[in-house]
Amino acid sequence: SNGLLTTNTIDQAIQRAGSKAGNKGAEAMLSIIEMLNLYK
């Protein structure tokens, strides 16, 4: 999974790391979990 944030501002990064926009690290791991099961 690609959980690489590419943001215009530090505020956008903060929002995506557990603030208003959720946690993109959790989303990247969720993709891993789904793909592991899909591969099976």
PDB file of all heavy atoms in Angstrom:
ATOM      1  N   SER A   1       0.845  -1.197   0.000  1.00  0.00           N
ATOM      2  CA  SER A   1       0.000   0.000   0.000  1.00  0.00           C
ATOM      3  C   SER A   1       0.874   1.238   0.000  1.00  0.00           C
ATOM      4  O   SER A   1       1.993   1.234   0.512  1.00  0.00           O
ATOM      5  CB  SER A   1      -0.952   0.013   1.194  1.00  0.00           C
ATOM      6  OG  SER A   1      -0.245   0.142   2.405  1.00  0.00           O
ATOM      7  N   ASN A   2       0.340   2.293  -0.593  1.00  0.00           N
ATOM      8  CA  ASN A   2       1.035   3.564  -0.680  1.00  0.00           C
ATOM      9  C   ASN A   2       0.348   4.559   0.240  1.00  0.00           C
ATOM     10  O   ASN A   2      -0.669   5.139  -0.118  1.00  0.00           O
ATOM     11  CB  ASN A   2       1.042   4.067  -2.124  1.00  0.00           C
ATOM     12  CG  ASN A   2       1.779   5.380  -2.277  1.00  0.00           C
ATOM     13  OD1 ASN A   2       2.183   6.005  -1.302  1.00  0.00           O
ATOM     14  ND2 ASN A   2       1.950   5.808  -3.508  1.00  0.00           N
ATOM     15  N   GLY A   3       0.897   4.744   1.430  1.00  0.00           N
ATOM     16  CA  GLY A   3       0.373   5.710   2.386  1.00  0.00           C
ATOM     17  C   GLY A   3       1.252   6.943   2.444  1.00  0.00           C
ATOM     18  O   GLY A   3       1.448   7.521   3.513  1.00  0.00           O
ATOM     19  N   LEU A   4       1.785   7.330   1.304  1.00  0.00           N
ATOM     20  CA  LEU A   4       2.646   8.506   1.223  1.00  0.00           C
ATOM     21  C   LEU A   4       1.778   9.754   1.070  1.00  0.00           C
ATOM     22  O   LEU A   4       1.085   9.913   0.066  1.00  0.00           O
ATOM     23  CB  LEU A   4       3.598   8.370   0.032  1.00  0.00           C
ATOM     24  CG  LEU A   4       4.578   9.496  -0.219  1.00  0.00           C
ATOM     25  CD1 LEU A   4       5.557   9.621   0.946  1.00  0.00           C
ATOM     26  CD2 LEU A   4       5.331   9.252  -1.517  1.00  0.00           C
ATOM     27  N   LEU A   5       1.807  10.616   2.075  1.00  0.00           N
ATOM     28  CA  LEU A   5       1.077  11.879   1.985  1.00  0.00           C
ATOM     29  C   LEU A   5       1.854  12.840   1.099  1.00  0.00           C
ATOM     30  O   LEU A   5       3.075  12.961   1.224  1.00  0.00           O
ATOM     31  CB  LEU A   5       0.926  12.530   3.360  1.00  0.00           C
ATOM     32  CG  LEU A   5       0.153  11.788   4.435  1.00  0.00           C
ATOM     33  CD1 LEU A   5       0.100  12.632   5.709  1.00  0.00           C
ATOM     34  CD2 LEU A   5      -1.238  11.436   3.965  1.00  0.00           C
ATOM     35  N   THR A   6       1.163  13.511   0.208  1.00  0.00           N
ATOM     36  CA  THR A   6       1.757  14.583  -0.592  1.00  0.00           C
ATOM     37  C   THR A   6       0.828  15.776  -0.433  1.00  0.00           C
ATOM     38  O   THR A   6      -0.227  15.832  -1.056  1.00  0.00           O
ATOM     39  CB  THR A   6       1.898  14.167  -2.063  1.00  0.00           C
ATOM     40  OG1 THR A   6       0.640  13.720  -2.562  1.00  0.00           O
ATOM     41  CG2 THR A   6       2.917  13.055  -2.225  1.00  0.00           C
ATOM     42  N   THR A   7       1.222  16.702   0.431  1.00  0.00           N
ATOM     43  CA  THR A   7       0.335  17.810   0.779  1.00  0.00           C
ATOM     44  C   THR A   7       0.983  19.152   0.455  1.00  0.00           C
ATOM     45  O   THR A   7       2.206  19.267   0.368  1.00  0.00           O
ATOM     46  CB  THR A   7      -0.046  17.775   2.267  1.00  0.00           C
ATOM     47  OG1 THR A   7       1.128  17.947   3.057  1.00  0.00           O
ATOM     48  CG2 THR A   7      -0.731  16.465   2.629  1.00  0.00           C
ATOM     49  N   ASN A   8       0.140  20.153   0.319  1.00  0.00           N
ATOM     50  CA  ASN A   8       0.621  21.504   0.049  1.00  0.00           C
ATOM     51  C   ASN A   8       1.070  22.227   1.310  1.00  0.00           C
ATOM     52  O   ASN A   8       1.909  23.119   1.240  1.00  0.00           O
ATOM     53  CB  ASN A   8      -0.468  22.324  -0.644  1.00  0.00           C
ATOM     54  CG  ASN A   8      -0.704  21.862  -2.059  1.00  0.00           C
ATOM     55  OD1 ASN A   8       0.233  21.619  -2.800  1.00  0.00           O
ATOM     56  ND2 ASN A   8      -1.960  21.720  -2.431  1.00  0.00           N
ATOM     57  N   THR A   9       0.505  21.833   2.456  1.00  0.00           N
ATOM     58  CA  THR A   9       0.825  22.532   3.705  1.00  0.00           C
ATOM     59  C   THR A   9       0.972  21.537   4.854  1.00  0.00           C
ATOM     60  O   THR A   9       0.472  20.410   4.783  1.00  0.00           O
ATOM     61  CB  THR A   9      -0.296  23.532   4.086  1.00  0.00           C
ATOM     62  OG1 THR A   9      -1.480  22.787   4.400  1.00  0.00           O
ATOM     63  CG2 THR A   9      -0.572  24.535   2.971  1.00  0.00           C
ATOM     64  N   ILE A  10       1.626  21.995   5.900  1.00  0.00           N
ATOM     65  CA  ILE A  10       1.748  21.187   7.110  1.00  0.00           C
ATOM     66  C   ILE A  10       0.375  20.933   7.718  1.00  0.00           C
ATOM     67  O   ILE A  10       0.113  19.854   8.241  1.00  0.00           O
ATOM     68  CB  ILE A  10       2.724  21.829   8.129  1.00  0.00           C
ATOM     69  CG1 ILE A  10       2.980  20.899   9.318  1.00  0.00           C
ATOM     70  CG2 ILE A  10       2.212  23.143   8.643  1.00  0.00           C
ATOM     71  CD1 ILE A  10       3.938  19.809   9.051  1.00  0.00           C
ATOM     72  N   ASP A  11      -0.524  21.918   7.635  1.00  0.00           N
ATOM     73  CA  ASP A  11      -1.880  21.737   8.172  1.00  0.00           C
ATOM     74  C   ASP A  11      -2.612  20.601   7.468  1.00  0.00           C
ATOM     75  O   ASP A  11      -3.304  19.813   8.110  1.00  0.00           O
ATOM     76  CB  ASP A  11      -2.694  23.030   8.062  1.00  0.00           C
ATOM     77  CG  ASP A  11      -2.225  24.102   9.033  1.00  0.00           C
ATOM     78  OD1 ASP A  11      -1.614  23.744  10.061  1.00  0.00           O
ATOM     79  OD2 ASP A  11      -2.466  25.291   8.753  1.00  0.00           O
ATOM     80  N   GLN A  12      -2.467  20.498   6.153  1.00  0.00           N
ATOM     81  CA  GLN A  12      -3.087  19.393   5.421  1.00  0.00           C
ATOM     82  C   GLN A  12      -2.510  18.058   5.874  1.00  0.00           C
ATOM     83  O   GLN A  12      -3.232  17.079   6.015  1.00  0.00           O
ATOM     84  CB  GLN A  12      -2.879  19.561   3.913  1.00  0.00           C
ATOM     85  CG  GLN A  12      -3.683  20.693   3.309  1.00  0.00           C
ATOM     86  CD  GLN A  12      -3.346  20.901   1.846  1.00  0.00           C
ATOM     87  OE1 GLN A  12      -2.318  20.440   1.344  1.00  0.00           O
ATOM     88  NE2 GLN A  12      -4.214  21.620   1.148  1.00  0.00           N
ATOM     89  N   ALA A  13      -1.221  18.017   6.105  1.00  0.00           N
ATOM     90  CA  ALA A  13      -0.581  16.777   6.566  1.00  0.00           C
ATOM     91  C   ALA A  13      -1.102  16.392   7.948  1.00  0.00           C
ATOM     92  O   ALA A  13      -1.413  15.224   8.196  1.00  0.00           O
ATOM     93  CB  ALA A  13       0.937  16.942   6.584  1.00  0.00           C
ATOM     94  N   ILE A  14      -1.205  17.355   8.841  1.00  0.00           N
ATOM     95  CA  ILE A  14      -1.717  17.100  10.192  1.00  0.00           C
ATOM     96  C   ILE A  14      -3.140  16.552  10.126  1.00  0.00           C
ATOM     97  O   ILE A  14      -3.481  15.596  10.835  1.00  0.00           O
ATOM     98  CB  ILE A  14      -1.654  18.377  11.058  1.00  0.00           C
ATOM     99  CG1 ILE A  14      -0.186  18.722  11.364  1.00  0.00           C
ATOM    100  CG2 ILE A  14      -2.464  18.226  12.339  1.00  0.00           C
ATOM    101  CD1 ILE A  14       0.015  20.107  11.941  1.00  0.00           C
ATOM    102  N   GLN A  15      -3.961  17.131   9.262  1.00  0.00           N
ATOM    103  CA  GLN A  15      -5.351  16.667   9.119  1.00  0.00           C
ATOM    104  C   GLN A  15      -5.406  15.224   8.661  1.00  0.00           C
ATOM    105  O   GLN A  15      -6.294  14.474   9.065  1.00  0.00           O
ATOM    106  CB  GLN A  15      -6.101  17.562   8.137  1.00  0.00           C
ATOM    107  CG  GLN A  15      -6.397  18.938   8.670  1.00  0.00           C
ATOM    108  CD  GLN A  15      -7.030  19.846   7.625  1.00  0.00           C
ATOM    109  OE1 GLN A  15      -7.510  19.374   6.587  1.00  0.00           O
ATOM    110  NE2 GLN A  15      -7.018  21.138   7.871  1.00  0.00           N
ATOM    111  N   ARG A  16      -4.461  14.801   7.839  1.00  0.00           N
ATOM    112  CA  ARG A  16      -4.472  13.443   7.286  1.00  0.00           C
ATOM    113  C   ARG A  16      -3.742  12.429   8.160  1.00  0.00           C
ATOM    114  O   ARG A  16      -3.729  11.252   7.863  1.00  0.00           O
ATOM    115  CB  ARG A  16      -3.868  13.474   5.883  1.00  0.00           C
ATOM    116  CG  ARG A  16      -4.828  14.102   4.892  1.00  0.00           C
ATOM    117  CD  ARG A  16      -4.132  14.637   3.657  1.00  0.00           C
ATOM    118  NE  ARG A  16      -5.094  15.208   2.716  1.00  0.00           N
ATOM    119  CZ  ARG A  16      -5.681  16.383   2.869  1.00  0.00           C
ATOM    120  NH1 ARG A  16      -5.430  17.132   3.926  1.00  0.00           N
ATOM    121  NH2 ARG A  16      -6.555  16.832   1.976  1.00  0.00           N
ATOM    122  N   ALA A  17      -3.147  12.911   9.240  1.00  0.00           N
ATOM    123  CA  ALA A  17      -2.403  12.028  10.136  1.00  0.00           C
ATOM    124  C   ALA A  17      -3.137  11.840  11.461  1.00  0.00           C
ATOM    125  O   ALA A  17      -2.520  11.648  12.489  1.00  0.00           O
ATOM    126  CB  ALA A  17      -1.006  12.592  10.371  1.00  0.00           C
ATOM    127  N   GLY A  18      -4.460  11.892  11.406  1.00  0.00           N
ATOM    128  CA  GLY A  18      -5.232  11.605  12.604  1.00  0.00           C
ATOM    129  C   GLY A  18      -6.119  12.727  13.070  1.00  0.00           C
ATOM    130  O   GLY A  18      -6.744  12.624  14.116  1.00  0.00           O
ATOM    131  N   SER A  19      -6.211  13.785  12.291  1.00  0.00           N
ATOM    132  CA  SER A  19      -7.071  14.908  12.671  1.00  0.00           C
ATOM    133  C   SER A  19      -8.376  14.827  11.877  1.00  0.00           C
ATOM    134  O   SER A  19      -8.967  13.761  11.764  1.00  0.00           O
ATOM    135  CB  SER A  19      -6.317  16.223  12.420  1.00  0.00           C
ATOM    136  OG  SER A  19      -7.060  17.327  12.856  1.00  0.00           O
ATOM    137  N   LYS A  20      -8.808  15.915  11.292  1.00  0.00           N
ATOM    138  CA  LYS A  20     -10.105  16.009  10.608  1.00  0.00           C
ATOM    139  C   LYS A  20     -10.301  14.995   9.477  1.00  0.00           C
ATOM    140  O   LYS A  20     -11.383  14.481   9.293  1.00  0.00           O
ATOM    141  CB  LYS A  20     -10.286  17.412  10.017  1.00  0.00           C
ATOM    142  CG  LYS A  20     -10.403  18.499  11.032  1.00  0.00           C
ATOM    143  CD  LYS A  20     -10.545  19.840  10.326  1.00  0.00           C
ATOM    144  CE  LYS A  20     -10.390  20.980  11.294  1.00  0.00           C
ATOM    145  NZ  LYS A  20     -10.374  22.264  10.591  1.00  0.00           N
ATOM    146  N   ALA A  21      -9.271  14.743   8.714  1.00  0.00           N
ATOM    147  CA  ALA A  21      -9.397  13.882   7.530  1.00  0.00           C
ATOM    148  C   ALA A  21      -9.091  12.417   7.834  1.00  0.00           C
ATOM    149  O   ALA A  21      -8.855  11.625   6.934  1.00  0.00           O
ATOM    150  CB  ALA A  21      -8.486  14.395   6.420  1.00  0.00           C
ATOM    151  N   GLY A  22      -9.095  12.025   9.096  1.00  0.00           N
ATOM    152  CA  GLY A  22      -8.801  10.641   9.463  1.00  0.00           C
ATOM    153  C   GLY A  22      -7.310  10.385   9.487  1.00  0.00           C
ATOM    154  O   GLY A  22      -6.507  11.309   9.485  1.00  0.00           O
ATOM    155  N   ASN A  23      -6.937   9.126   9.522  1.00  0.00           N
ATOM    156  CA  ASN A  23      -5.533   8.757   9.554  1.00  0.00           C
ATOM    157  C   ASN A  23      -5.225   7.928   8.309  1.00  0.00           C
ATOM    158  O   ASN A  23      -5.696   6.802   8.166  1.00  0.00           O
ATOM    159  CB  ASN A  23      -5.206   7.972  10.829  1.00  0.00           C
ATOM    160  CG  ASN A  23      -3.735   7.717  10.990  1.00  0.00           C
ATOM    161  OD1 ASN A  23      -3.093   7.161  10.105  1.00  0.00           O
ATOM    162  ND2 ASN A  23      -3.187   8.120  12.128  1.00  0.00           N
ATOM    163  N   LYS A  24      -4.446   8.508   7.422  1.00  0.00           N
ATOM    164  CA  LYS A  24      -4.129   7.828   6.163  1.00  0.00           C
ATOM    165  C   LYS A  24      -3.216   6.614   6.376  1.00  0.00           C
ATOM    166  O   LYS A  24      -3.177   5.724   5.530  1.00  0.00           O
ATOM    167  CB  LYS A  24      -3.491   8.806   5.172  1.00  0.00           C
ATOM    168  CG  LYS A  24      -4.407   9.970   4.809  1.00  0.00           C
ATOM    169  CD  LYS A  24      -5.719   9.513   4.208  1.00  0.00           C
ATOM    170  CE  LYS A  24      -6.615  10.665   3.862  1.00  0.00           C
ATOM    171  NZ  LYS A  24      -7.914  10.259   3.353  1.00  0.00           N
ATOM    172  N   GLY A  25      -2.522   6.546   7.506  1.00  0.00           N
ATOM    173  CA  GLY A  25      -1.765   5.342   7.838  1.00  0.00           C
ATOM    174  C   GLY A  25      -2.691   4.172   8.101  1.00  0.00           C
ATOM    175  O   GLY A  25      -2.455   3.051   7.640  1.00  0.00           O
ATOM    176  N   ALA A  26      -3.779   4.441   8.821  1.00  0.00           N
ATOM    177  CA  ALA A  26      -4.787   3.402   9.073  1.00  0.00           C
ATOM    178  C   ALA A  26      -5.434   2.972   7.762  1.00  0.00           C
ATOM    179  O   ALA A  26      -5.665   1.780   7.536  1.00  0.00           O
ATOM    180  CB  ALA A  26      -5.836   3.910  10.055  1.00  0.00           C
ATOM    181  N   GLU A  27      -5.717   3.928   6.886  1.00  0.00           N
ATOM    182  CA  GLU A  27      -6.321   3.591   5.596  1.00  0.00           C
ATOM    183  C   GLU A  27      -5.382   2.736   4.749  1.00  0.00           C
ATOM    184  O   GLU A  27      -5.820   1.799   4.078  1.00  0.00           O
ATOM    185  CB  GLU A  27      -6.707   4.862   4.841  1.00  0.00           C
ATOM    186  CG  GLU A  27      -7.885   5.594   5.456  1.00  0.00           C
ATOM    187  CD  GLU A  27      -8.250   6.856   4.703  1.00  0.00           C
ATOM    188  OE1 GLU A  27      -7.887   6.997   3.506  1.00  0.00           O
ATOM    189  OE2 GLU A  27      -8.907   7.712   5.313  1.00  0.00           O
ATOM    190  N   ALA A  28      -4.089   3.049   4.788  1.00  0.00           N
ATOM    191  CA  ALA A  28      -3.115   2.264   4.027  1.00  0.00           C
ATOM    192  C   ALA A  28      -3.054   0.835   4.562  1.00  0.00           C
ATOM    193  O   ALA A  28      -2.956  -0.125   3.794  1.00  0.00           O
ATOM    194  CB  ALA A  28      -1.739   2.924   4.075  1.00  0.00           C
ATOM    195  N   MET A  29      -3.124   0.671   5.889  1.00  0.00           N
ATOM    196  CA  MET A  29      -3.118  -0.673   6.470  1.00  0.00           C
ATOM    197  C   MET A  29      -4.411  -1.407   6.143  1.00  0.00           C
ATOM    198  O   MET A  29      -4.395  -2.620   5.890  1.00  0.00           O
ATOM    199  CB  MET A  29      -2.907  -0.608   7.984  1.00  0.00           C
ATOM    200  CG  MET A  29      -2.796  -1.972   8.641  1.00  0.00           C
ATOM    201  SD  MET A  29      -1.457  -3.028   8.017  1.00  0.00           S
ATOM    202  CE  MET A  29      -0.034  -2.214   8.745  1.00  0.00           C
ATOM    203  N   LEU A  30      -5.516  -0.710   6.140  1.00  0.00           N
ATOM    204  CA  LEU A  30      -6.793  -1.336   5.795  1.00  0.00           C
ATOM    205  C   LEU A  30      -6.743  -1.881   4.358  1.00  0.00           C
ATOM    206  O   LEU A  30      -7.256  -2.973   4.083  1.00  0.00           O
ATOM    207  CB  LEU A  30      -7.931  -0.336   5.964  1.00  0.00           C
ATOM    208  CG  LEU A  30      -9.315  -0.894   6.183  1.00  0.00           C
ATOM    209  CD1 LEU A  30      -9.374  -1.809   7.392  1.00  0.00           C
ATOM    210  CD2 LEU A  30     -10.309   0.253   6.353  1.00  0.00           C
ATOM    211  N   SER A  31      -6.097  -1.149   3.481  1.00  0.00           N
ATOM    212  CA  SER A  31      -5.917  -1.634   2.103  1.00  0.00           C
ATOM    213  C   SER A  31      -5.087  -2.914   2.081  1.00  0.00           C
ATOM    214  O   SER A  31      -5.394  -3.846   1.326  1.00  0.00           O
ATOM    215  CB  SER A  31      -5.221  -0.575   1.245  1.00  0.00           C
ATOM    216  OG  SER A  31      -6.045   0.536   1.057  1.00  0.00           O
ATOM    217  N   ILE A  32      -4.053  -2.956   2.912  1.00  0.00           N
ATOM    218  CA  ILE A  32      -3.222  -4.159   3.003  1.00  0.00           C
ATOM    219  C   ILE A  32      -4.061  -5.350   3.449  1.00  0.00           C
ATOM    220  O   ILE A  32      -3.982  -6.437   2.867  1.00  0.00           O
ATOM    221  CB  ILE A  32      -2.053  -3.932   3.988  1.00  0.00           C
ATOM    222  CG1 ILE A  32      -0.995  -3.024   3.376  1.00  0.00           C
ATOM    223  CG2 ILE A  32      -1.432  -5.250   4.452  1.00  0.00           C
ATOM    224  CD1 ILE A  32      -0.260  -3.624   2.199  1.00  0.00           C
ATOM    225  N   ILE A  33      -4.860  -5.156   4.476  1.00  0.00           N
ATOM    226  CA  ILE A  33      -5.691  -6.246   5.011  1.00  0.00           C
ATOM    227  C   ILE A  33      -6.652  -6.755   3.944  1.00  0.00           C
ATOM    228  O   ILE A  33      -6.772  -7.966   3.723  1.00  0.00           O
ATOM    229  CB  ILE A  33      -6.447  -5.778   6.273  1.00  0.00           C
ATOM    230  CG1 ILE A  33      -5.445  -5.486   7.397  1.00  0.00           C
ATOM    231  CG2 ILE A  33      -7.487  -6.811   6.701  1.00  0.00           C
ATOM    232  CD1 ILE A  33      -6.035  -4.717   8.566  1.00  0.00           C
ATOM    233  N   GLU A  34      -7.302  -5.835   3.262  1.00  0.00           N
ATOM    234  CA  GLU A  34      -8.242  -6.235   2.216  1.00  0.00           C
ATOM    235  C   GLU A  34      -7.535  -6.961   1.075  1.00  0.00           C
ATOM    236  O   GLU A  34      -8.008  -7.986   0.586  1.00  0.00           O
ATOM    237  CB  GLU A  34      -8.989  -5.016   1.684  1.00  0.00           C
ATOM    238  CG  GLU A  34     -10.056  -5.369   0.685  1.00  0.00           C
ATOM    239  CD  GLU A  34     -10.924  -4.199   0.272  1.00  0.00           C
ATOM    240  OE1 GLU A  34     -10.878  -3.136   0.916  1.00  0.00           O
ATOM    241  OE2 GLU A  34     -11.677  -4.371  -0.708  1.00  0.00           O
ATOM    242  N   MET A  35      -6.384  -6.452   0.675  1.00  0.00           N
ATOM    243  CA  MET A  35      -5.661  -7.075  -0.430  1.00  0.00           C
ATOM    244  C   MET A  35      -5.094  -8.439  -0.054  1.00  0.00           C
ATOM    245  O   MET A  35      -5.061  -9.351  -0.882  1.00  0.00           O
ATOM    246  CB  MET A  35      -4.557  -6.147  -0.944  1.00  0.00           C
ATOM    247  CG  MET A  35      -5.092  -4.905  -1.645  1.00  0.00           C
ATOM    248  SD  MET A  35      -6.183  -5.281  -3.036  1.00  0.00           S
ATOM    249  CE  MET A  35      -5.028  -5.983  -4.188  1.00  0.00           C
ATOM    250  N   LEU A  36      -4.641  -8.591   1.189  1.00  0.00           N
ATOM    251  CA  LEU A  36      -4.173  -9.918   1.636  1.00  0.00           C
ATOM    252  C   LEU A  36      -5.289 -10.949   1.469  1.00  0.00           C
ATOM    253  O   LEU A  36      -5.059 -12.053   0.973  1.00  0.00           O
ATOM    254  CB  LEU A  36      -3.744  -9.878   3.105  1.00  0.00           C
ATOM    255  CG  LEU A  36      -2.332  -9.415   3.401  1.00  0.00           C
ATOM    256  CD1 LEU A  36      -2.160  -9.140   4.888  1.00  0.00           C
ATOM    257  CD2 LEU A  36      -1.325 -10.440   2.908  1.00  0.00           C
ATOM    258  N   ASN A  37      -6.486 -10.586   1.880  1.00  0.00           N
ATOM    259  CA  ASN A  37      -7.627 -11.506   1.769  1.00  0.00           C
ATOM    260  C   ASN A  37      -8.074 -11.686   0.325  1.00  0.00           C
ATOM    261  O   ASN A  37      -8.465 -12.783  -0.070  1.00  0.00           O
ATOM    262  CB  ASN A  37      -8.768 -11.022   2.654  1.00  0.00           C
ATOM    263  CG  ASN A  37      -8.490 -11.279   4.117  1.00  0.00           C
ATOM    264  OD1 ASN A  37      -8.197 -12.405   4.513  1.00  0.00           O
ATOM    265  ND2 ASN A  37      -8.532 -10.243   4.938  1.00  0.00           N
ATOM    266  N   LEU A  38      -7.999 -10.643  -0.469  1.00  0.00           N
ATOM    267  CA  LEU A  38      -8.372 -10.762  -1.877  1.00  0.00           C
ATOM    268  C   LEU A  38      -7.399 -11.682  -2.612  1.00  0.00           C
ATOM    269  O   LEU A  38      -7.819 -12.522  -3.407  1.00  0.00           O
ATOM    270  CB  LEU A  38      -8.398  -9.382  -2.541  1.00  0.00           C
ATOM    271  CG  LEU A  38      -8.783  -9.372  -4.011  1.00  0.00           C
ATOM    272  CD1 LEU A  38     -10.200  -9.918  -4.209  1.00  0.00           C
ATOM    273  CD2 LEU A  38      -8.657  -7.976  -4.587  1.00  0.00           C
ATOM    274  N   TYR A  39      -6.114 -11.563  -2.330  1.00  0.00           N
ATOM    275  CA  TYR A  39      -5.134 -12.447  -2.955  1.00  0.00           C
ATOM    276  C   TYR A  39      -5.447 -13.900  -2.664  1.00  0.00           C
ATOM    277  O   TYR A  39      -5.295 -14.770  -3.517  1.00  0.00           O
ATOM    278  CB  TYR A  39      -3.723 -12.117  -2.465  1.00  0.00           C
ATOM    279  CG  TYR A  39      -3.028 -10.994  -3.209  1.00  0.00           C
ATOM    280  CD1 TYR A  39      -3.725  -9.880  -3.676  1.00  0.00           C
ATOM    281  CD2 TYR A  39      -1.664 -11.034  -3.432  1.00  0.00           C
ATOM    282  CE1 TYR A  39      -3.089  -8.865  -4.334  1.00  0.00           C
ATOM    283  CE2 TYR A  39      -1.007 -10.006  -4.094  1.00  0.00           C
ATOM    284  CZ  TYR A  39      -1.719  -8.928  -4.546  1.00  0.00           C
ATOM    285  OH  TYR A  39      -1.078  -7.914  -5.208  1.00  0.00           O
ATOM    286  N   LYS A  40      -5.886 -14.186  -1.435  1.00  0.00           N
ATOM    287  CA  LYS A  40      -6.263 -15.565  -1.065  1.00  0.00           C
ATOM    288  C   LYS A  40      -7.486 -16.013  -1.858  1.00  0.00           C
ATOM    289  O   LYS A  40      -7.563 -17.175  -2.279  1.00  0.00           O
ATOM    290  CB  LYS A  40      -6.556 -15.660   0.431  1.00  0.00           C
ATOM    291  CG  LYS A  40      -5.340 -15.486   1.308  1.00  0.00           C
ATOM    292  CD  LYS A  40      -5.730 -15.436   2.775  1.00  0.00           C
ATOM    293  CE  LYS A  40      -4.586 -14.973   3.637  1.00  0.00           C
ATOM    294  NZ  LYS A  40      -4.993 -14.653   4.990  1.00  0.00           N
TER     295      LYS A  40
END
